[in-house]
Amino acid sequence: MSKSNAIEDDTLAYWLTVDTMTITRPTTWFLALYKTDPMDDNSGIEISVADDTAYARQAIAFDPPITDSGLVFNNADITYPATVLAVGSYTMTHFAIFDAVTAGNMLYHGTFGVSKTINGGETITFAAGGITVTED
């Protein structure tokens, strides 16, 4: 699990400088799916409507961290609509957490343990507890 460059910069500025910046905490977070590693600078390739016309980031919520664990988990199932492929199939390899349903700021990103090839008509679901975000 990695933080985005934006989160790293904001964290350093907030905690270690006298910068008068204001950080606004999101009220909703969104799970984005990727075909390549998003990298800390969000230069990876997110799945898009060019791949799957039904694709949109889905809201994700987290339970409070387990004491001294540095971990949070999604607190409910996350289900994407059945895929409507524009062309062929695609392989999902990574995910990212954003503060907006479109555009916005990438906060954290990670890799799936196993890549998944997505075909038309599939419904992608992540069970509660299936997305873990760590802070080390």
Protein backbone atom coordinates (compact mmCIF):
# COMPACT_ATOMS: atom_id res chain seq x y z
CA MET A 1 0.00 0.00 0.00
CA SER A 2 1.37 3.38 -0.95
CA LYS A 3 0.38 6.98 -0.42
CA SER A 4 0.10 9.31 -3.36
CA ASN A 5 2.63 12.11 -3.78
CA ALA A 6 -0.13 14.60 -2.95
CA ILE A 7 -0.87 12.95 0.40
CA GLU A 8 2.83 12.64 1.24
CA ASP A 9 3.41 16.34 0.50
CA ASP A 10 0.34 17.44 2.46
CA THR A 11 1.31 15.26 5.41
CA LEU A 12 4.83 16.65 5.56
CA ALA A 13 3.65 20.23 5.22
CA TYR A 14 0.93 19.80 7.83
CA TRP A 15 2.99 18.05 10.50
CA LEU A 16 6.51 19.39 9.98
CA THR A 17 6.24 22.99 8.78
CA VAL A 18 4.50 26.15 9.86
CA ASP A 19 2.77 26.37 6.48
CA THR A 20 -0.73 27.75 6.99
CA MET A 21 -2.26 25.29 4.53
CA THR A 22 -5.78 24.06 5.08
CA ILE A 23 -6.51 20.41 4.39
CA THR A 24 -10.14 19.50 3.81
CA ARG A 25 -11.04 15.98 4.83
CA PRO A 26 -13.23 14.15 2.30
CA THR A 27 -16.69 13.04 3.40
CA THR A 28 -16.86 10.24 0.82
CA TRP A 29 -14.07 8.11 -0.64
CA PHE A 30 -14.13 6.23 -3.94
CA LEU A 31 -12.52 3.00 -5.13
CA ALA A 32 -10.90 3.19 -8.57
CA LEU A 33 -9.76 0.13 -10.51
CA TYR A 34 -6.60 0.11 -12.63
CA LYS A 35 -5.10 -1.83 -15.52
CA THR A 36 -1.57 -0.74 -14.52
CA ASP A 37 0.14 0.43 -11.33
CA PRO A 38 -1.17 3.93 -10.50
CA MET A 39 2.23 4.85 -9.05
CA ASP A 40 2.50 7.60 -6.45
CA ASP A 41 1.95 10.25 -9.16
CA ASN A 42 -1.25 8.63 -10.54
CA SER A 43 0.38 7.94 -13.89
CA GLY A 44 -1.17 4.47 -14.23
CA ILE A 45 -4.12 3.55 -16.42
CA GLU A 46 -7.47 3.54 -14.65
CA ILE A 47 -10.25 1.51 -16.22
CA SER A 48 -12.46 3.91 -18.16
CA VAL A 49 -15.68 3.99 -20.14
CA ALA A 50 -13.50 3.34 -23.20
CA ASP A 51 -12.89 -0.13 -21.68
CA ASP A 52 -16.22 -0.66 -19.95
CA THR A 53 -19.14 1.69 -20.58
CA ALA A 54 -20.65 0.79 -17.17
CA TYR A 55 -17.48 1.64 -15.20
CA ALA A 56 -17.54 4.31 -12.54
CA ARG A 57 -15.65 4.59 -9.27
CA GLN A 58 -17.69 3.24 -6.38
CA ALA A 59 -18.05 4.74 -2.91
CA ILE A 60 -16.05 3.00 -0.20
CA ALA A 61 -16.24 3.49 3.57
CA PHE A 62 -13.87 2.23 6.23
CA ASP A 63 -14.21 1.08 9.82
CA PRO A 64 -11.95 2.80 12.36
CA PRO A 65 -8.46 1.29 12.51
CA ILE A 66 -7.81 -1.68 14.71
CA THR A 67 -5.81 -0.35 17.68
CA ASP A 68 -2.11 -0.05 16.89
CA SER A 69 -2.50 -2.03 13.66
CA GLY A 70 -2.06 0.70 11.04
CA LEU A 71 -4.90 -0.97 9.09
CA VAL A 72 -8.38 -0.03 7.96
CA PHE A 73 -10.79 -2.22 5.98
CA ASN A 74 -13.84 -1.44 3.87
CA ASN A 75 -16.89 -1.87 6.08
CA ALA A 76 -19.38 -3.06 3.44
CA ASP A 77 -19.45 -4.91 0.14
CA ILE A 78 -18.56 -2.80 -2.90
CA THR A 79 -20.23 -3.84 -6.14
CA TYR A 80 -19.61 -2.41 -9.59
CA PRO A 81 -22.35 -2.64 -12.24
CA ALA A 82 -22.23 -5.55 -14.67
CA THR A 83 -19.50 -4.84 -17.19
CA VAL A 84 -20.43 -3.63 -20.65
CA LEU A 85 -17.20 -3.97 -22.59
CA ALA A 86 -16.43 -1.56 -25.37
CA VAL A 87 -13.86 -3.92 -26.92
CA GLY A 88 -12.58 -7.36 -25.86
CA SER A 89 -11.66 -7.75 -22.20
CA TYR A 90 -9.31 -6.03 -19.77
CA THR A 91 -7.16 -7.09 -16.85
CA MET A 92 -7.56 -5.41 -13.47
CA THR A 93 -4.29 -5.30 -11.49
CA HIS A 94 -4.42 -2.39 -9.03
CA PHE A 95 -6.75 -0.10 -7.11
CA ALA A 96 -6.67 3.41 -5.68
CA ILE A 97 -8.67 5.40 -3.17
CA PHE A 98 -9.81 8.85 -4.34
CA ASP A 99 -11.61 11.78 -2.76
CA ALA A 100 -13.95 12.22 -5.75
CA VAL A 101 -16.03 10.07 -8.09
CA THR A 102 -14.25 11.65 -11.10
CA ALA A 103 -10.87 13.40 -11.23
CA GLY A 104 -10.06 14.40 -7.63
CA ASN A 105 -7.00 13.45 -5.61
CA MET A 106 -5.61 9.96 -5.36
CA LEU A 107 -4.94 9.24 -1.68
CA TYR A 108 -3.69 5.65 -1.50
CA HIS A 109 -3.06 2.88 -4.00
CA GLY A 110 -2.27 -0.81 -3.94
CA THR A 111 -2.09 -4.00 -5.93
CA PHE A 112 -4.45 -6.95 -6.02
CA GLY A 113 -2.83 -10.20 -4.93
CA VAL A 114 -3.98 -11.77 -8.19
CA SER A 115 -4.76 -9.98 -11.46
CA LYS A 116 -8.28 -10.53 -12.81
CA THR A 117 -9.29 -10.58 -16.48
CA ILE A 118 -12.72 -9.01 -16.83
CA ASN A 119 -15.14 -10.16 -19.51
CA GLY A 120 -18.49 -8.72 -20.59
CA GLY A 121 -21.43 -9.09 -18.21
CA GLU A 122 -19.32 -9.72 -15.10
CA THR A 123 -20.15 -8.05 -11.83
CA ILE A 124 -17.11 -7.07 -9.77
CA THR A 125 -17.64 -7.26 -6.01
CA PHE A 126 -15.26 -6.72 -3.13
CA ALA A 127 -16.51 -8.21 0.14
CA ALA A 128 -16.49 -6.20 3.35
CA GLY A 129 -12.94 -6.38 4.67
CA GLY A 130 -11.59 -7.15 1.19
CA ILE A 131 -9.89 -3.80 0.63
CA THR A 132 -7.19 -3.06 3.19
CA VAL A 133 -5.39 0.26 3.55
CA THR A 134 -2.25 0.31 5.66
CA GLU A 135 -0.21 3.05 7.22
CA ASP A 136 3.38 2.17 8.01
